[in-house]
Protein backbone atom coordinates (compact mmCIF):
# COMPACT_ATOMS: atom_id res chain seq x y z
CA UNK A 1 16.87 18.50 4.34
CA UNK A 2 14.30 19.12 7.33
CA UNK A 3 10.39 18.58 6.78
CA UNK A 4 7.69 20.45 8.28
CA UNK A 5 4.19 18.35 9.04
CA UNK A 6 0.98 20.11 9.37
CA UNK A 7 -2.66 19.10 9.28
CA UNK A 8 -5.41 20.92 7.45
CA UNK A 9 -7.28 22.92 10.30
CA UNK A 10 -10.25 21.29 10.49
CA UNK A 11 -9.47 17.76 9.19
CA UNK A 12 -7.43 14.85 11.18
CA UNK A 13 -7.75 12.77 8.43
CA UNK A 14 -4.56 13.85 6.41
CA UNK A 15 -1.67 15.45 6.52
CA UNK A 16 0.73 17.35 4.54
CA UNK A 17 4.42 16.89 5.03
CA UNK A 18 6.27 20.01 3.60
CA UNK A 19 10.13 20.39 2.80
CA UNK A 20 11.38 23.38 5.02
CA UNK A 21 11.98 25.41 1.77
CA UNK A 22 10.12 23.87 -1.45
CA UNK A 23 12.57 23.96 -3.93
CA UNK A 24 10.57 21.75 -6.76
CA UNK A 25 7.53 22.48 -8.50
CA UNK A 26 6.20 18.75 -8.03
CA UNK A 27 3.54 18.10 -5.33
CA UNK A 28 3.18 14.36 -4.65
CA UNK A 29 0.06 12.80 -3.47
CA UNK A 30 -0.85 9.48 -1.78
CA UNK A 31 -4.57 9.16 -1.47
CA UNK A 32 -5.53 5.45 -0.91
CA UNK A 33 -2.46 4.12 1.27
CA UNK A 34 -4.39 5.05 4.98
CA UNK A 35 -4.96 2.61 7.14
CA UNK A 36 -6.36 4.36 10.19
CA UNK A 37 -10.19 2.67 10.29
CA UNK A 38 -12.85 4.01 12.22
CA UNK A 39 -14.36 1.56 14.92
CA UNK A 40 -17.96 2.47 14.07
CA UNK A 41 -16.72 1.97 10.46
CA UNK A 42 -15.33 -1.32 11.29
CA UNK A 43 -18.26 -2.62 13.03
CA UNK A 44 -21.01 -1.69 10.62
CA UNK A 45 -18.50 -4.11 8.18
CA UNK A 46 -19.39 -7.50 7.28
CA UNK A 47 -15.40 -7.97 6.59
CA UNK A 48 -13.00 -9.09 9.37
CA UNK A 49 -9.99 -6.70 9.57
CA UNK A 50 -7.66 -8.49 7.20
CA UNK A 51 -10.47 -8.51 4.36
CA UNK A 52 -11.56 -4.73 4.55
CA UNK A 53 -7.95 -4.08 3.61
CA UNK A 54 -7.92 -5.45 0.38
CA UNK A 55 -8.29 -1.97 -1.01
CA UNK A 56 -5.50 -0.18 0.21
CA UNK A 57 -2.35 0.94 -1.67
CA UNK A 58 -0.44 -0.96 0.79
CA UNK A 59 2.82 1.42 2.24
CA UNK A 60 2.56 3.78 -0.82
CA UNK A 61 3.15 6.73 1.49
CA UNK A 62 5.96 5.14 3.38
CA UNK A 63 7.36 4.06 -0.55
CA UNK A 64 7.29 8.12 -1.25
CA UNK A 65 7.87 9.16 1.82
CA UNK A 66 11.14 10.83 1.30
CA UNK A 67 9.91 12.93 -1.42
CA UNK A 68 10.24 16.36 1.04
CA UNK A 69 13.56 15.70 1.31
CA UNK A 70 13.79 16.38 -2.64
CA UNK A 71 12.49 19.26 -2.02
CA UNK A 72 8.55 18.55 -2.56
CA UNK A 73 5.86 18.39 -0.34
CA UNK A 74 3.70 14.97 0.31
CA UNK A 75 0.11 14.72 0.81
CA UNK A 76 -1.28 11.70 2.42
CA UNK A 77 -4.20 10.14 3.73
CA UNK A 78 -4.92 8.24 7.25
CA UNK A 79 -8.58 7.40 6.48
CA UNK A 80 -8.98 4.42 4.28
CA UNK A 81 -10.08 3.87 0.73
CA UNK A 82 -12.67 1.46 1.56
CA UNK A 83 -14.20 4.35 4.15
CA UNK A 84 -13.99 7.35 1.52
CA UNK A 85 -12.29 7.21 -1.85
CA UNK A 86 -11.24 10.82 -2.82
CA UNK A 87 -10.04 9.70 -6.00
CA UNK A 88 -13.73 9.98 -7.09
CA UNK A 89 -16.43 12.76 -7.97
CA UNK A 90 -17.62 14.39 -4.79
CA UNK A 91 -21.05 12.55 -4.82
CA UNK A 92 -20.49 9.25 -7.26
CA UNK A 93 -23.21 7.76 -4.66
CA UNK A 94 -25.21 4.42 -5.25
CA UNK A 95 -28.45 5.20 -4.07
CA UNK A 96 -28.74 1.14 -3.04
CA UNK A 97 -26.33 1.53 -0.37
CA UNK A 98 -28.49 4.27 1.52
CA UNK A 99 -31.15 4.25 3.69
CA UNK A 100 -33.04 7.30 2.45
CA UNK A 101 -32.95 9.53 -1.07
CA UNK A 102 -29.86 11.11 -1.73
CA UNK A 103 -29.56 14.63 -3.17
CA UNK A 104 -30.11 15.58 -6.49
CA UNK A 105 -27.18 16.40 -7.71
CA UNK A 106 -25.40 12.60 -7.25
CA UNK A 107 -24.00 11.09 -9.94
CA UNK A 108 -25.56 7.60 -9.52
CA UNK A 109 -24.82 6.64 -13.04
CA UNK A 110 -21.05 6.67 -13.40
CA UNK A 111 -19.21 2.91 -14.15
CA UNK A 112 -17.33 3.58 -10.84
CA UNK A 113 -20.49 3.16 -9.08
CA UNK A 114 -22.32 0.48 -11.19
CA UNK A 115 -18.82 -1.25 -10.08
CA UNK A 116 -19.39 -0.81 -6.54
CA UNK A 117 -16.40 1.64 -6.32
CA UNK A 118 -18.03 5.25 -5.87
CA UNK A 119 -16.66 7.90 -3.50
CA UNK A 120 -18.20 5.95 -0.88
CA UNK A 121 -17.27 2.01 -2.21
CA UNK A 122 -19.82 -0.75 -1.87
CA UNK A 123 -16.87 -3.19 -2.47
CA UNK A 124 -13.59 -4.03 -1.90
CA UNK A 125 -11.33 -6.30 -4.07
CA UNK A 126 -13.03 -9.08 -5.86
CA UNK A 127 -16.15 -8.12 -4.95
CA UNK A 128 -16.30 -8.12 -1.51
CA UNK A 129 -19.27 -6.40 -0.32
CA UNK A 130 -18.59 -3.83 2.59
CA UNK A 131 -21.78 -3.57 5.00
CA UNK A 132 -24.35 -5.30 6.62
CA UNK A 133 -26.91 -3.25 5.66
CA UNK A 134 -27.54 0.70 4.26
CA UNK A 135 -26.01 3.57 5.53
CA UNK A 136 -27.86 6.66 6.45
CA UNK A 137 -27.90 9.77 4.35
CA UNK A 138 -26.13 11.72 6.93
CA UNK A 139 -23.23 9.34 7.71
CA UNK A 140 -22.61 9.53 3.87
CA UNK A 141 -22.78 13.18 3.13
CA UNK A 142 -20.88 13.89 6.43
CA UNK A 143 -17.60 11.61 5.40
CA UNK A 144 -17.67 14.14 1.84
CA UNK A 145 -18.01 17.02 3.97
CA UNK A 146 -15.46 16.76 6.82
CA UNK A 147 -12.92 14.59 4.90
CA UNK A 148 -13.26 14.68 1.36
CA UNK A 149 -13.86 18.52 0.78
CA UNK A 150 -11.05 19.11 3.12
CA UNK A 151 -8.52 16.56 1.66
CA UNK A 152 -9.30 18.38 -2.01
CA UNK A 153 -9.02 22.01 -0.56
CA UNK A 154 -5.55 21.18 0.68
CA UNK A 155 -4.29 19.43 -2.41
CA UNK A 156 -5.60 22.30 -4.53
CA UNK A 157 -4.08 24.91 -2.18
CA UNK A 158 -0.64 22.84 -2.60
CA UNK A 159 -0.76 23.01 -6.14
CA UNK A 160 -1.90 26.60 -6.53
CA UNK A 161 1.19 27.53 -4.07
CA UNK A 162 3.55 25.57 -6.59
CA UNK A 163 2.28 27.21 -9.67
CA UNK A 164 2.53 30.64 -7.82
CA UNK A 165 5.88 29.95 -7.03
CA UNK A 166 7.39 28.67 -9.91
CA UNK A 167 4.78 29.25 -12.62
CA UNK A 168 3.81 25.59 -13.07
CA UNK A 169 2.94 22.68 -10.99
CA UNK A 170 3.29 18.50 -11.56
CA UNK A 171 1.21 16.44 -9.18
CA UNK A 172 2.30 12.92 -8.70
CA UNK A 173 -0.29 11.12 -7.90
CA UNK A 174 0.70 7.77 -6.28
CA UNK A 175 -0.78 4.32 -5.92
CA UNK A 176 -0.72 0.59 -6.06
CA UNK A 177 -2.10 -1.92 -7.92
CA UNK A 178 -2.72 -5.90 -7.33
CA UNK A 179 0.56 -8.53 -8.51
CA UNK A 180 -1.55 -10.22 -11.00
CA UNK A 181 -2.24 -6.74 -12.99
CA UNK A 182 -1.19 -7.42 -16.75
CA UNK A 183 -0.92 -5.24 -19.79
CA UNK A 184 -0.66 -5.72 -23.22
CA UNK A 185 -0.96 -9.00 -25.75
CA UNK A 186 1.13 -10.90 -23.78
CA UNK A 187 -0.53 -10.74 -20.43
CA UNK A 188 3.03 -9.11 -19.18
CA UNK A 189 2.61 -8.31 -15.28
CA UNK A 190 4.48 -4.71 -15.58
CA UNK A 191 6.32 -3.12 -12.21
CA UNK A 192 4.84 0.34 -12.97
CA UNK A 193 1.92 1.92 -14.73
CA UNK A 194 2.14 5.27 -15.60
CA UNK A 195 -0.90 7.27 -16.61
CA UNK A 196 -1.75 10.67 -17.74
CA UNK A 197 -5.40 10.34 -19.19
CA UNK A 198 -4.30 9.68 -22.62
CA UNK A 199 -2.04 12.60 -22.71
CA UNK A 200 -4.39 14.93 -21.39
CA UNK A 201 -3.60 15.74 -18.07
CA UNK A 202 0.31 16.00 -18.34
CA UNK A 203 2.90 17.33 -21.14
CA UNK A 204 3.92 13.56 -22.82
CA UNK A 205 7.23 14.64 -22.04
CA UNK A 206 6.58 14.26 -18.26
CA UNK A 207 5.07 10.91 -18.71
CA UNK A 208 7.65 9.60 -20.88
CA UNK A 209 10.50 10.83 -18.64
CA UNK A 210 8.67 8.95 -15.72
CA UNK A 211 8.67 5.59 -17.87
CA UNK A 212 12.30 6.17 -19.11
CA UNK A 213 13.40 6.62 -15.83
CA UNK A 214 12.03 3.38 -14.53
CA UNK A 215 13.22 1.27 -17.45
CA UNK A 216 16.24 2.50 -17.11
CA UNK A 217 16.46 1.19 -13.42
CA UNK A 218 15.24 -2.16 -14.70
CA UNK A 219 11.57 -2.00 -13.94
CA UNK A 220 8.94 -3.08 -16.50
CA UNK A 221 6.22 -0.25 -17.47
CA UNK A 222 3.05 -0.14 -19.35
CA UNK A 223 1.69 3.36 -20.08
CA UNK A 224 -2.07 4.19 -19.48
CA UNK A 225 -3.09 0.98 -19.55
CA UNK A 226 -4.66 -0.49 -17.31
CA UNK A 227 -4.59 2.41 -15.42
CA UNK A 228 -5.01 6.06 -17.20
CA UNK A 229 -5.44 7.67 -14.01
CA UNK A 230 -8.67 8.52 -11.77
CA UNK A 231 -10.73 11.91 -10.86
CA UNK A 232 -7.49 13.28 -9.30
CA UNK A 233 -5.62 13.05 -12.26
CA UNK A 234 -8.35 13.86 -14.45
CA UNK A 235 -9.29 16.95 -12.36
CA UNK A 236 -5.92 18.73 -11.36
CA UNK A 237 -4.29 18.02 -15.04
CA UNK A 238 -4.59 21.38 -16.99
CA UNK A 239 -1.58 21.24 -19.18
CA UNK A 240 -2.58 24.05 -20.75
CA UNK A 241 -2.58 26.07 -17.71
CA UNK A 242 0.31 24.92 -16.62
CA UNK A 243 -0.81 22.24 -14.36
CA UNK A 244 0.40 18.74 -15.17
CA UNK A 245 -0.97 15.53 -13.17
CA UNK A 246 0.83 11.99 -13.49
CA UNK A 247 -0.53 8.80 -11.71
CA UNK A 248 1.77 6.20 -11.29
CA UNK A 249 0.95 2.66 -10.19
CA UNK A 250 3.35 0.33 -8.55
CA UNK A 251 2.76 -3.76 -8.62
CA UNK A 252 2.40 -4.81 -4.86
CA UNK A 253 4.06 -7.76 -5.43
CA UNK A 254 7.77 -5.96 -6.04
CA UNK A 255 7.33 -5.04 -2.00
CA UNK A 256 4.87 -6.90 -0.30
CA UNK A 257 2.95 -10.18 0.60
CA UNK A 258 -0.19 -9.61 -0.69
CA UNK A 259 -1.93 -12.42 1.13
CA UNK A 260 -0.71 -11.43 4.40
CA UNK A 261 -0.37 -7.59 3.68
CA UNK A 262 3.04 -7.79 5.03
CA UNK A 263 6.19 -5.87 3.67
CA UNK A 264 8.54 -8.27 2.20
CA UNK A 265 12.12 -8.11 2.84
CA UNK A 266 12.62 -6.47 -0.94
CA UNK A 267 10.55 -3.07 0.43
CA UNK A 268 13.81 -1.61 1.65
CA UNK A 269 15.58 -1.84 -1.76
CA UNK A 270 11.94 -1.02 -3.51
CA UNK A 271 12.23 2.43 -1.40
CA UNK A 272 15.70 3.34 -2.22
CA UNK A 273 14.59 2.66 -6.06
CA UNK A 274 11.62 4.91 -5.27
CA UNK A 275 14.06 7.60 -3.94
CA UNK A 276 16.37 7.12 -6.99
CA UNK A 277 13.33 7.69 -9.37
CA UNK A 278 12.29 10.78 -7.62
CA UNK A 279 16.09 12.48 -7.62
CA UNK A 280 15.93 11.45 -11.66
CA UNK A 281 12.56 12.74 -11.93
CA UNK A 282 13.20 16.03 -9.75
CA UNK A 283 16.19 16.52 -12.12
CA UNK A 284 14.25 16.28 -15.12
CA UNK A 285 11.31 18.75 -14.26
CA UNK A 286 14.16 21.16 -12.73
CA UNK A 287 14.35 23.04 -9.64
CA UNK A 288 13.28 26.37 -11.54
CA UNK A 289 10.10 25.05 -12.22
CA UNK A 290 10.49 24.83 -16.03
CA UNK A 291 9.77 20.97 -17.42
CA UNK A 292 13.07 20.25 -19.21
CA UNK A 293 12.77 20.20 -23.27
CA UNK A 294 9.18 21.63 -23.22
CA UNK A 295 8.08 24.72 -24.19
CA UNK A 296 4.93 25.94 -22.21
CA UNK A 297 1.92 24.97 -24.07
């Protein structure tokens, strides 16, 4: 199946790769794999070119790149998460990062802001501050206006188109996690974490299907812990309205050297495994837009 590329008309910061014909009620999204770093941003950072990449979801867009060949669109970011995080509310901002007052509607007290990981992050990785000095308010708000809003407008449009065509939509939000992440009392390190906001963003059948497919392929999984899903999963997941959202985290240790940030030889095999997962997950969801074994809520 051939695919089509297009960009949101006013934003060069992401792209949507569409199948020639969408045959599945699924939309894939890779919001944290962008690796195009603006020069001015790098010059304003105290981190070197390698350090600043520590928050990337390394190569996740490449791992899921074949989704359009199965009949589902893929939206992927070019901009890096360290520059702007679209998996946050639009105005989760830390006033301490800016040289002037922020608008009154800013959410300055969220746990993510407190942790340095707001819409415009203060840190990457293990508490590594990004900036040498304060940012201008205009700089921060312009990132939201010209990148964040078009990104979400595009994603919302894809999901609406999908619901119009199939009667429902399933968003798969694709991420990666550090290889050291553990889950459960035995400190085991899962290969994948599947999150549905503790059953609120998708039908449990969808989450269980993803887990079953992955475990059937020999991978270890965890469910909602330590990652239940972020703003995107929470915001777009409305199961009662036929809009399901699932977050999938893959351990970077499976396919990348986390020190050098280079692909391991295993990358090809992991990508092939992801293709198998997409195919089996697509078969479960069904090309007619019905979730197998699931009555409409």
